[in-house]
Amino acid sequence: MKKMLQMTAFGLLLVGLAGCDAAEQSAQKLLEKTEQAVQDVAREAIDETLQHINKKADDVQQSTNEWLGKPSEEPPQDQAEKQQPQDHQPVEPIDKTAVET
């Protein structure tokens, strides 16, 4: 009887340790996913911030050039928008024999 009790206790201990190992692996996977999500959010925030800073620097450079009387290197935003075809205007395909799929 004592041996049976020892074997049962040993079996429960092994099951408990296996459960702990599975929990540890699950926690490790969750940690890796969390780290990846944090990195993605940080990249997006940095990218947005850099785009904002670049736009502000371009605006300052353009206004400085205008103040100095230098011609701007690129067309103003309004003219660039006018140069792009509008959604409601039909656009001729380059190759008139091309078929859209």
PDB file of N, CA and C in Angstrom:
ATOM      1  N   MET A   1       0.825  -1.193   0.000  1.00  0.00           N
ATOM      2  CA  MET A   1       0.000   0.000   0.000  1.00  0.00           C
ATOM      3  C   MET A   1       0.871   1.259   0.000  1.00  0.00           C
ATOM      4  N   LYS A   2       1.953   1.206   0.775  1.00  0.00           N
ATOM      5  CA  LYS A   2       2.828   2.358   0.850  1.00  0.00           C
ATOM      6  C   LYS A   2       3.474   2.617  -0.514  1.00  0.00           C
ATOM      7  N   LYS A   3       3.859   1.524  -1.202  1.00  0.00           N
ATOM      8  CA  LYS A   3       4.454   1.684  -2.521  1.00  0.00           C
ATOM      9  C   LYS A   3       3.460   2.276  -3.517  1.00  0.00           C
ATOM     10  N   MET A   4       2.201   1.855  -3.425  1.00  0.00           N
ATOM     11  CA  MET A   4       1.157   2.366  -4.312  1.00  0.00           C
ATOM     12  C   MET A   4       0.956   3.856  -4.082  1.00  0.00           C
ATOM     13  N   LEU A   5       0.984   4.278  -2.856  1.00  0.00           N
ATOM     14  CA  LEU A   5       0.826   5.691  -2.504  1.00  0.00           C
ATOM     15  C   LEU A   5       2.012   6.502  -3.030  1.00  0.00           C
ATOM     16  N   GLN A   6       3.216   5.958  -2.926  1.00  0.00           N
ATOM     17  CA  GLN A   6       4.406   6.626  -3.429  1.00  0.00           C
ATOM     18  C   GLN A   6       4.352   6.768  -4.952  1.00  0.00           C
ATOM     19  N   MET A   7       3.923   5.699  -5.622  1.00  0.00           N
ATOM     20  CA  MET A   7       3.821   5.738  -7.083  1.00  0.00           C
ATOM     21  C   MET A   7       2.780   6.765  -7.528  1.00  0.00           C
ATOM     22  N   THR A   8       1.672   6.842  -6.829  1.00  0.00           N
ATOM     23  CA  THR A   8       0.629   7.805  -7.151  1.00  0.00           C
ATOM     24  C   THR A   8       1.139   9.229  -6.936  1.00  0.00           C
ATOM     25  N   ALA A   9       1.847   9.452  -5.843  1.00  0.00           N
ATOM     26  CA  ALA A   9       2.397  10.778  -5.562  1.00  0.00           C
ATOM     27  C   ALA A   9       3.426  11.151  -6.634  1.00  0.00           C
ATOM     28  N   PHE A  10       4.253  10.191  -7.030  1.00  0.00           N
ATOM     29  CA  PHE A  10       5.255  10.443  -8.062  1.00  0.00           C
ATOM     30  C   PHE A  10       4.576  10.762  -9.399  1.00  0.00           C
ATOM     31  N   GLY A  11       3.518  10.037  -9.716  1.00  0.00           N
ATOM     32  CA  GLY A  11       2.769  10.284 -10.949  1.00  0.00           C
ATOM     33  C   GLY A  11       2.151  11.678 -10.948  1.00  0.00           C
ATOM     34  N   LEU A  12       1.576  12.060  -9.850  1.00  0.00           N
ATOM     35  CA  LEU A  12       0.984  13.401  -9.737  1.00  0.00           C
ATOM     36  C   LEU A  12       2.050  14.490  -9.853  1.00  0.00           C
ATOM     37  N   LEU A  13       3.224  14.208  -9.271  1.00  0.00           N
ATOM     38  CA  LEU A  13       4.320  15.160  -9.358  1.00  0.00           C
ATOM     39  C   LEU A  13       4.758  15.344 -10.818  1.00  0.00           C
ATOM     40  N   LEU A  14       4.860  14.237 -11.555  1.00  0.00           N
ATOM     41  CA  LEU A  14       5.237  14.324 -12.971  1.00  0.00           C
ATOM     42  C   LEU A  14       4.188  15.076 -13.786  1.00  0.00           C
ATOM     43  N   VAL A  15       2.921  14.805 -13.511  1.00  0.00           N
ATOM     44  CA  VAL A  15       1.845  15.510 -14.207  1.00  0.00           C
ATOM     45  C   VAL A  15       1.904  16.996 -13.881  1.00  0.00           C
ATOM     46  N   GLY A  16       2.153  17.319 -12.621  1.00  0.00           N
ATOM     47  CA  GLY A  16       2.263  18.721 -12.214  1.00  0.00           C
ATOM     48  C   GLY A  16       3.414  19.421 -12.889  1.00  0.00           C
ATOM     49  N   LEU A  17       4.565  18.719 -12.976  1.00  0.00           N
ATOM     50  CA  LEU A  17       5.722  19.309 -13.643  1.00  0.00           C
ATOM     51  C   LEU A  17       5.476  19.482 -15.141  1.00  0.00           C
ATOM     52  N   ALA A  18       4.803  18.523 -15.747  1.00  0.00           N
ATOM     53  CA  ALA A  18       4.478  18.646 -17.171  1.00  0.00           C
ATOM     54  C   ALA A  18       3.533  19.822 -17.387  1.00  0.00           C
ATOM     55  N   GLY A  19       2.587  20.002 -16.479  1.00  0.00           N
ATOM     56  CA  GLY A  19       1.676  21.142 -16.565  1.00  0.00           C
ATOM     57  C   GLY A  19       2.412  22.458 -16.413  1.00  0.00           C
ATOM     58  N   CYS A  20       3.399  22.485 -15.512  1.00  0.00           N
ATOM     59  CA  CYS A  20       4.198  23.700 -15.323  1.00  0.00           C
ATOM     60  C   CYS A  20       5.010  24.010 -16.581  1.00  0.00           C
ATOM     61  N   ASP A  21       5.553  22.961 -17.212  1.00  0.00           N
ATOM     62  CA  ASP A  21       6.325  23.154 -18.426  1.00  0.00           C
ATOM     63  C   ASP A  21       5.432  23.701 -19.541  1.00  0.00           C
ATOM     64  N   ALA A  22       4.237  23.156 -19.675  1.00  0.00           N
ATOM     65  CA  ALA A  22       3.302  23.641 -20.700  1.00  0.00           C
ATOM     66  C   ALA A  22       2.912  25.091 -20.420  1.00  0.00           C
ATOM     67  N   ALA A  23       2.686  25.422 -19.150  1.00  0.00           N
ATOM     68  CA  ALA A  23       2.332  26.793 -18.789  1.00  0.00           C
ATOM     69  C   ALA A  23       3.497  27.745 -19.085  1.00  0.00           C
ATOM     70  N   GLU A  24       4.716  27.273 -18.816  1.00  0.00           N
ATOM     71  CA  GLU A  24       5.885  28.104 -19.088  1.00  0.00           C
ATOM     72  C   GLU A  24       6.041  28.351 -20.591  1.00  0.00           C
ATOM     73  N   GLN A  25       5.841  27.310 -21.383  1.00  0.00           N
ATOM     74  CA  GLN A  25       5.933  27.474 -22.838  1.00  0.00           C
ATOM     75  C   GLN A  25       4.848  28.416 -23.348  1.00  0.00           C
ATOM     76  N   SER A  26       3.659  28.284 -22.803  1.00  0.00           N
ATOM     77  CA  SER A  26       2.563  29.164 -23.206  1.00  0.00           C
ATOM     78  C   SER A  26       2.863  30.617 -22.829  1.00  0.00           C
ATOM     79  N   ALA A  27       3.394  30.797 -21.638  1.00  0.00           N
ATOM     80  CA  ALA A  27       3.750  32.146 -21.198  1.00  0.00           C
ATOM     81  C   ALA A  27       4.851  32.728 -22.069  1.00  0.00           C
ATOM     82  N   GLN A  28       5.814  31.887 -22.471  1.00  0.00           N
ATOM     83  CA  GLN A  28       6.903  32.353 -23.329  1.00  0.00           C
ATOM     84  C   GLN A  28       6.366  32.791 -24.689  1.00  0.00           C
ATOM     85  N   LYS A  29       5.437  32.008 -25.261  1.00  0.00           N
ATOM     86  CA  LYS A  29       4.840  32.373 -26.549  1.00  0.00           C
ATOM     87  C   LYS A  29       4.065  33.682 -26.442  1.00  0.00           C
ATOM     88  N   LEU A  30       3.321  33.832 -25.351  1.00  0.00           N
ATOM     89  CA  LEU A  30       2.564  35.066 -25.133  1.00  0.00           C
ATOM     90  C   LEU A  30       3.510  36.255 -25.004  1.00  0.00           C
ATOM     91  N   LEU A  31       4.620  36.059 -24.311  1.00  0.00           N
ATOM     92  CA  LEU A  31       5.605  37.123 -24.151  1.00  0.00           C
ATOM     93  C   LEU A  31       6.193  37.514 -25.504  1.00  0.00           C
ATOM     94  N   GLU A  32       6.508  36.537 -26.351  1.00  0.00           N
ATOM     95  CA  GLU A  32       7.064  36.829 -27.667  1.00  0.00           C
ATOM     96  C   GLU A  32       6.061  37.598 -28.529  1.00  0.00           C
ATOM     97  N   LYS A  33       4.785  37.190 -28.478  1.00  0.00           N
ATOM     98  CA  LYS A  33       3.757  37.902 -29.250  1.00  0.00           C
ATOM     99  C   LYS A  33       3.576  39.328 -28.746  1.00  0.00           C
ATOM    100  N   THR A  34       3.634  39.488 -27.442  1.00  0.00           N
ATOM    101  CA  THR A  34       3.489  40.821 -26.846  1.00  0.00           C
ATOM    102  C   THR A  34       4.653  41.715 -27.252  1.00  0.00           C
ATOM    103  N   GLU A  35       5.874  41.164 -27.206  1.00  0.00           N
ATOM    104  CA  GLU A  35       7.039  41.939 -27.614  1.00  0.00           C
ATOM    105  C   GLU A  35       6.916  42.371 -29.072  1.00  0.00           C
ATOM    106  N   GLN A  36       6.456  41.473 -29.937  1.00  0.00           N
ATOM    107  CA  GLN A  36       6.302  41.796 -31.359  1.00  0.00           C
ATOM    108  C   GLN A  36       5.256  42.902 -31.550  1.00  0.00           C
ATOM    109  N   ALA A  37       4.157  42.801 -30.811  1.00  0.00           N
ATOM    110  CA  ALA A  37       3.108  43.818 -30.912  1.00  0.00           C
ATOM    111  C   ALA A  37       3.620  45.178 -30.451  1.00  0.00           C
ATOM    112  N   VAL A  38       4.392  45.194 -29.376  1.00  0.00           N
ATOM    113  CA  VAL A  38       4.949  46.454 -28.874  1.00  0.00           C
ATOM    114  C   VAL A  38       5.915  47.046 -29.892  1.00  0.00           C
ATOM    115  N   GLN A  39       6.740  46.196 -30.512  1.00  0.00           N
ATOM    116  CA  GLN A  39       7.669  46.681 -31.528  1.00  0.00           C
ATOM    117  C   GLN A  39       6.919  47.258 -32.724  1.00  0.00           C
ATOM    118  N   ASP A  40       5.835  46.598 -33.139  1.00  0.00           N
ATOM    119  CA  ASP A  40       5.052  47.093 -34.276  1.00  0.00           C
ATOM    120  C   ASP A  40       4.434  48.451 -33.969  1.00  0.00           C
ATOM    121  N   VAL A  41       3.877  48.594 -32.771  1.00  0.00           N
ATOM    122  CA  VAL A  41       3.269  49.865 -32.386  1.00  0.00           C
ATOM    123  C   VAL A  41       4.332  50.963 -32.321  1.00  0.00           C
ATOM    124  N   ALA A  42       5.498  50.617 -31.779  1.00  0.00           N
ATOM    125  CA  ALA A  42       6.577  51.609 -31.682  1.00  0.00           C
ATOM    126  C   ALA A  42       7.042  52.033 -33.075  1.00  0.00           C
ATOM    127  N   ARG A  43       7.166  51.072 -33.992  1.00  0.00           N
ATOM    128  CA  ARG A  43       7.577  51.407 -35.359  1.00  0.00           C
ATOM    129  C   ARG A  43       6.566  52.346 -36.020  1.00  0.00           C
ATOM    130  N   GLU A  44       5.297  52.051 -35.839  1.00  0.00           N
ATOM    131  CA  GLU A  44       4.259  52.893 -36.436  1.00  0.00           C
ATOM    132  C   GLU A  44       4.315  54.306 -35.859  1.00  0.00           C
ATOM    133  N   ALA A  45       4.474  54.402 -34.543  1.00  0.00           N
ATOM    134  CA  ALA A  45       4.523  55.714 -33.902  1.00  0.00           C
ATOM    135  C   ALA A  45       5.743  56.495 -34.365  1.00  0.00           C
ATOM    136  N   ILE A  46       6.883  55.829 -34.462  1.00  0.00           N
ATOM    137  CA  ILE A  46       8.099  56.502 -34.915  1.00  0.00           C
ATOM    138  C   ILE A  46       7.951  56.933 -36.366  1.00  0.00           C
ATOM    139  N   ASP A  47       7.371  56.066 -37.194  1.00  0.00           N
ATOM    140  CA  ASP A  47       7.183  56.396 -38.608  1.00  0.00           C
ATOM    141  C   ASP A  47       6.282  57.618 -38.763  1.00  0.00           C
ATOM    142  N   GLU A  48       5.177  57.647 -38.034  1.00  0.00           N
ATOM    143  CA  GLU A  48       4.267  58.791 -38.106  1.00  0.00           C
ATOM    144  C   GLU A  48       4.960  60.064 -37.627  1.00  0.00           C
ATOM    145  N   THR A  49       5.736  59.950 -36.561  1.00  0.00           N
ATOM    146  CA  THR A  49       6.439  61.115 -36.027  1.00  0.00           C
ATOM    147  C   THR A  49       7.460  61.638 -37.031  1.00  0.00           C
ATOM    148  N   LEU A  50       8.215  60.720 -37.641  1.00  0.00           N
ATOM    149  CA  LEU A  50       9.215  61.141 -38.626  1.00  0.00           C
ATOM    150  C   LEU A  50       8.563  61.777 -39.855  1.00  0.00           C
ATOM    151  N   GLN A  51       7.435  61.228 -40.287  1.00  0.00           N
ATOM    152  CA  GLN A  51       6.732  61.833 -41.419  1.00  0.00           C
ATOM    153  C   GLN A  51       6.272  63.245 -41.080  1.00  0.00           C
ATOM    154  N   HIS A  52       5.775  63.423 -39.865  1.00  0.00           N
ATOM    155  CA  HIS A  52       5.313  64.738 -39.423  1.00  0.00           C
ATOM    156  C   HIS A  52       6.491  65.717 -39.367  1.00  0.00           C
ATOM    157  N   ILE A  53       7.615  65.257 -38.820  1.00  0.00           N
ATOM    158  CA  ILE A  53       8.803  66.116 -38.731  1.00  0.00           C
ATOM    159  C   ILE A  53       9.305  66.474 -40.125  1.00  0.00           C
ATOM    160  N   ASN A  54       9.326  65.492 -41.026  1.00  0.00           N
ATOM    161  CA  ASN A  54       9.777  65.766 -42.400  1.00  0.00           C
ATOM    162  C   ASN A  54       8.873  66.772 -43.092  1.00  0.00           C
ATOM    163  N   LYS A  55       7.566  66.647 -42.881  1.00  0.00           N
ATOM    164  CA  LYS A  55       6.634  67.595 -43.498  1.00  0.00           C
ATOM    165  C   LYS A  55       6.869  68.999 -42.954  1.00  0.00           C
ATOM    166  N   LYS A  56       7.050  69.092 -41.651  1.00  0.00           N
ATOM    167  CA  LYS A  56       7.303  70.409 -41.044  1.00  0.00           C
ATOM    168  C   LYS A  56       8.619  70.995 -41.566  1.00  0.00           C
ATOM    169  N   ALA A  57       9.651  70.155 -41.696  1.00  0.00           N
ATOM    170  CA  ALA A  57      10.935  70.637 -42.213  1.00  0.00           C
ATOM    171  C   ALA A  57      10.786  71.102 -43.659  1.00  0.00           C
ATOM    172  N   ASP A  58      10.018  70.365 -44.461  1.00  0.00           N
ATOM    173  CA  ASP A  58       9.771  70.781 -45.846  1.00  0.00           C
ATOM    174  C   ASP A  58       9.025  72.101 -45.903  1.00  0.00           C
ATOM    175  N   ASP A  59       8.037  72.253 -45.022  1.00  0.00           N
ATOM    176  CA  ASP A  59       7.281  73.512 -44.983  1.00  0.00           C
ATOM    177  C   ASP A  59       8.192  74.688 -44.613  1.00  0.00           C
ATOM    178  N   VAL A  60       9.046  74.473 -43.629  1.00  0.00           N
ATOM    179  CA  VAL A  60       9.963  75.537 -43.206  1.00  0.00           C
ATOM    180  C   VAL A  60      10.933  75.868 -44.329  1.00  0.00           C
ATOM    181  N   GLN A  61      11.447  74.833 -44.991  1.00  0.00           N
ATOM    182  CA  GLN A  61      12.380  75.065 -46.097  1.00  0.00           C
ATOM    183  C   GLN A  61      11.699  75.825 -47.235  1.00  0.00           C
ATOM    184  N   GLN A  62      10.471  75.433 -47.550  1.00  0.00           N
ATOM    185  CA  GLN A  62       9.750  76.106 -48.626  1.00  0.00           C
ATOM    186  C   GLN A  62       9.471  77.567 -48.259  1.00  0.00           C
ATOM    187  N   SER A  63       9.037  77.822 -47.039  1.00  0.00           N
ATOM    188  CA  SER A  63       8.743  79.206 -46.654  1.00  0.00           C
ATOM    189  C   SER A  63      10.027  80.037 -46.601  1.00  0.00           C
ATOM    190  N   THR A  64      11.129  79.408 -46.205  1.00  0.00           N
ATOM    191  CA  THR A  64      12.408  80.126 -46.205  1.00  0.00           C
ATOM    192  C   THR A  64      12.826  80.475 -47.624  1.00  0.00           C
ATOM    193  N   ASN A  65      12.667  79.517 -48.542  1.00  0.00           N
ATOM    194  CA  ASN A  65      13.003  79.783 -49.948  1.00  0.00           C
ATOM    195  C   ASN A  65      12.117  80.880 -50.522  1.00  0.00           C
ATOM    196  N   GLU A  66      10.841  80.863 -50.178  1.00  0.00           N
ATOM    197  CA  GLU A  66       9.939  81.916 -50.653  1.00  0.00           C
ATOM    198  C   GLU A  66      10.354  83.264 -50.074  1.00  0.00           C
ATOM    199  N   TRP A  67      10.731  83.280 -48.817  1.00  0.00           N
ATOM    200  CA  TRP A  67      11.136  84.517 -48.155  1.00  0.00           C
ATOM    201  C   TRP A  67      12.419  85.061 -48.791  1.00  0.00           C
ATOM    202  N   LEU A  68      13.317  84.132 -49.211  1.00  0.00           N
ATOM    203  CA  LEU A  68      14.565  84.550 -49.850  1.00  0.00           C
ATOM    204  C   LEU A  68      14.386  84.847 -51.333  1.00  0.00           C
ATOM    205  N   GLY A  69      13.217  84.542 -51.879  1.00  0.00           N
ATOM    206  CA  GLY A  69      12.934  84.812 -53.275  1.00  0.00           C
ATOM    207  C   GLY A  69      13.430  83.728 -54.212  1.00  0.00           C
ATOM    208  N   LYS A  70      13.751  82.568 -53.676  1.00  0.00           N
ATOM    209  CA  LYS A  70      14.206  81.463 -54.516  1.00  0.00           C
ATOM    210  C   LYS A  70      12.992  80.698 -55.034  1.00  0.00           C
ATOM    211  N   PRO A  71      13.073  80.190 -56.276  1.00  0.00           N
ATOM    212  CA  PRO A  71      11.947  79.389 -56.776  1.00  0.00           C
ATOM    213  C   PRO A  71      11.879  78.054 -56.025  1.00  0.00           C
ATOM    214  N   SER A  72      10.663  77.601 -55.817  1.00  0.00           N
ATOM    215  CA  SER A  72      10.514  76.320 -55.109  1.00  0.00           C
ATOM    216  C   SER A  72      10.914  75.181 -56.026  1.00  0.00           C
ATOM    217  N   GLU A  73      11.501  74.131 -55.436  1.00  0.00           N
ATOM    218  CA  GLU A  73      12.001  72.998 -56.208  1.00  0.00           C
ATOM    219  C   GLU A  73      10.891  72.071 -56.662  1.00  0.00           C
ATOM    220  N   GLU A  74       9.811  72.006 -55.921  1.00  0.00           N
ATOM    221  CA  GLU A  74       8.695  71.137 -56.288  1.00  0.00           C
ATOM    222  C   GLU A  74       7.416  71.960 -56.319  1.00  0.00           C
ATOM    223  N   PRO A  75       6.443  71.537 -57.113  1.00  0.00           N
ATOM    224  CA  PRO A  75       5.210  72.318 -57.207  1.00  0.00           C
ATOM    225  C   PRO A  75       4.463  72.298 -55.881  1.00  0.00           C
ATOM    226  N   PRO A  76       3.730  73.369 -55.604  1.00  0.00           N
ATOM    227  CA  PRO A  76       2.917  73.392 -54.385  1.00  0.00           C
ATOM    228  C   PRO A  76       1.918  72.238 -54.382  1.00  0.00           C
ATOM    229  N   GLN A  77       1.435  71.902 -53.224  1.00  0.00           N
ATOM    230  CA  GLN A  77       0.548  70.750 -53.048  1.00  0.00           C
ATOM    231  C   GLN A  77      -0.712  70.872 -53.909  1.00  0.00           C
ATOM    232  N   ASP A  78      -1.279  72.071 -54.044  1.00  0.00           N
ATOM    233  CA  ASP A  78      -2.505  72.248 -54.831  1.00  0.00           C
ATOM    234  C   ASP A  78      -2.262  71.930 -56.302  1.00  0.00           C
ATOM    235  N   GLN A  79      -1.125  72.381 -56.829  1.00  0.00           N
ATOM    236  CA  GLN A  79      -0.816  72.105 -58.227  1.00  0.00           C
ATOM    237  C   GLN A  79      -0.539  70.626 -58.451  1.00  0.00           C
ATOM    238  N   ALA A  80       0.108  69.981 -57.508  1.00  0.00           N
ATOM    239  CA  ALA A  80       0.391  68.548 -57.643  1.00  0.00           C
ATOM    240  C   ALA A  80      -0.905  67.753 -57.681  1.00  0.00           C
ATOM    241  N   GLU A  81      -1.892  68.176 -56.886  1.00  0.00           N
ATOM    242  CA  GLU A  81      -3.183  67.488 -56.881  1.00  0.00           C
ATOM    243  C   GLU A  81      -3.916  67.693 -58.200  1.00  0.00           C
ATOM    244  N   LYS A  82      -3.778  68.890 -58.803  1.00  0.00           N
ATOM    245  CA  LYS A  82      -4.443  69.170 -60.075  1.00  0.00           C
ATOM    246  C   LYS A  82      -3.825  68.353 -61.208  1.00  0.00           C
ATOM    247  N   GLN A  83      -2.524  68.056 -61.098  1.00  0.00           N
ATOM    248  CA  GLN A  83      -1.844  67.313 -62.144  1.00  0.00           C
ATOM    249  C   GLN A  83      -2.246  65.843 -62.149  1.00  0.00           C
ATOM    250  N   GLN A  84      -2.675  65.306 -61.027  1.00  0.00           N
ATOM    251  CA  GLN A  84      -3.084  63.913 -60.953  1.00  0.00           C
ATOM    252  C   GLN A  84      -4.486  63.771 -61.528  1.00  0.00           C
ATOM    253  N   PRO A  85      -4.756  62.682 -62.267  1.00  0.00           N
ATOM    254  CA  PRO A  85      -6.108  62.515 -62.821  1.00  0.00           C
ATOM    255  C   PRO A  85      -7.124  62.323 -61.697  1.00  0.00           C
ATOM    256  N   GLN A  86      -8.290  62.906 -61.917  1.00  0.00           N
ATOM    257  CA  GLN A  86      -9.363  62.795 -60.936  1.00  0.00           C
ATOM    258  C   GLN A  86     -10.086  61.468 -61.115  1.00  0.00           C
ATOM    259  N   ASP A  87     -10.757  61.002 -60.070  1.00  0.00           N
ATOM    260  CA  ASP A  87     -11.478  59.733 -60.119  1.00  0.00           C
ATOM    261  C   ASP A  87     -12.627  59.771 -61.117  1.00  0.00           C
ATOM    262  N   HIS A  88     -13.268  60.918 -61.261  1.00  0.00           N
ATOM    263  CA  HIS A  88     -14.440  60.986 -62.121  1.00  0.00           C
ATOM    264  C   HIS A  88     -14.078  61.197 -63.596  1.00  0.00           C
ATOM    265  N   GLN A  89     -12.821  61.477 -63.914  1.00  0.00           N
ATOM    266  CA  GLN A  89     -12.404  61.668 -65.299  1.00  0.00           C
ATOM    267  C   GLN A  89     -11.953  60.334 -65.881  1.00  0.00           C
ATOM    268  N   PRO A  90     -12.408  59.993 -67.091  1.00  0.00           N
ATOM    269  CA  PRO A  90     -11.967  58.735 -67.695  1.00  0.00           C
ATOM    270  C   PRO A  90     -10.487  58.827 -68.072  1.00  0.00           C
ATOM    271  N   VAL A  91      -9.774  57.748 -67.863  1.00  0.00           N
ATOM    272  CA  VAL A  91      -8.354  57.692 -68.169  1.00  0.00           C
ATOM    273  C   VAL A  91      -8.164  56.735 -69.329  1.00  0.00           C
ATOM    274  N   GLU A  92      -7.488  57.191 -70.359  1.00  0.00           N
ATOM    275  CA  GLU A  92      -7.224  56.361 -71.528  1.00  0.00           C
ATOM    276  C   GLU A  92      -6.121  55.360 -71.180  1.00  0.00           C
ATOM    277  N   PRO A  93      -6.333  54.094 -71.493  1.00  0.00           N
ATOM    278  CA  PRO A  93      -5.241  53.133 -71.253  1.00  0.00           C
ATOM    279  C   PRO A  93      -4.090  53.380 -72.229  1.00  0.00           C
ATOM    280  N   ILE A  94      -2.897  53.046 -71.814  1.00  0.00           N
ATOM    281  CA  ILE A  94      -1.727  53.239 -72.667  1.00  0.00           C
ATOM    282  C   ILE A  94      -1.833  52.356 -73.898  1.00  0.00           C
ATOM    283  N   ASP A  95      -2.201  51.109 -73.690  1.00  0.00           N
ATOM    284  CA  ASP A  95      -2.358  50.161 -74.788  1.00  0.00           C
ATOM    285  C   ASP A  95      -3.857  49.948 -74.962  1.00  0.00           C
ATOM    286  N   LYS A  96      -4.401  50.428 -76.075  1.00  0.00           N
ATOM    287  CA  LYS A  96      -5.850  50.350 -76.277  1.00  0.00           C
ATOM    288  C   LYS A  96      -6.325  48.931 -76.504  1.00  0.00           C
ATOM    289  N   THR A  97      -5.400  48.005 -76.750  1.00  0.00           N
ATOM    290  CA  THR A  97      -5.806  46.593 -76.942  1.00  0.00           C
ATOM    291  C   THR A  97      -5.760  45.841 -75.624  1.00  0.00           C
ATOM    292  N   ALA A  98      -5.314  46.500 -74.558  1.00  0.00           N
ATOM    293  CA  ALA A  98      -5.226  45.815 -73.264  1.00  0.00           C
ATOM    294  C   ALA A  98      -6.612  45.555 -72.721  1.00  0.00           C
ATOM    295  N   VAL A  99      -6.750  44.445 -72.057  1.00  0.00           N
ATOM    296  CA  VAL A  99      -8.025  44.053 -71.469  1.00  0.00           C
ATOM    297  C   VAL A  99      -7.843  43.978 -69.970  1.00  0.00           C
ATOM    298  N   GLU A 100      -8.715  44.628 -69.269  1.00  0.00           N
ATOM    299  CA  GLU A 100      -8.659  44.591 -67.817  1.00  0.00           C
ATOM    300  C   GLU A 100      -9.246  43.280 -67.332  1.00  0.00           C
ATOM    301  N   THR A 101      -8.539  42.630 -66.394  1.00  0.00           N
ATOM    302  CA  THR A 101      -9.036  41.342 -65.876  1.00  0.00           C
ATOM    303  C   THR A 101      -9.425  41.470 -64.447  1.00  0.00           C
TER     304      THR A 101
END
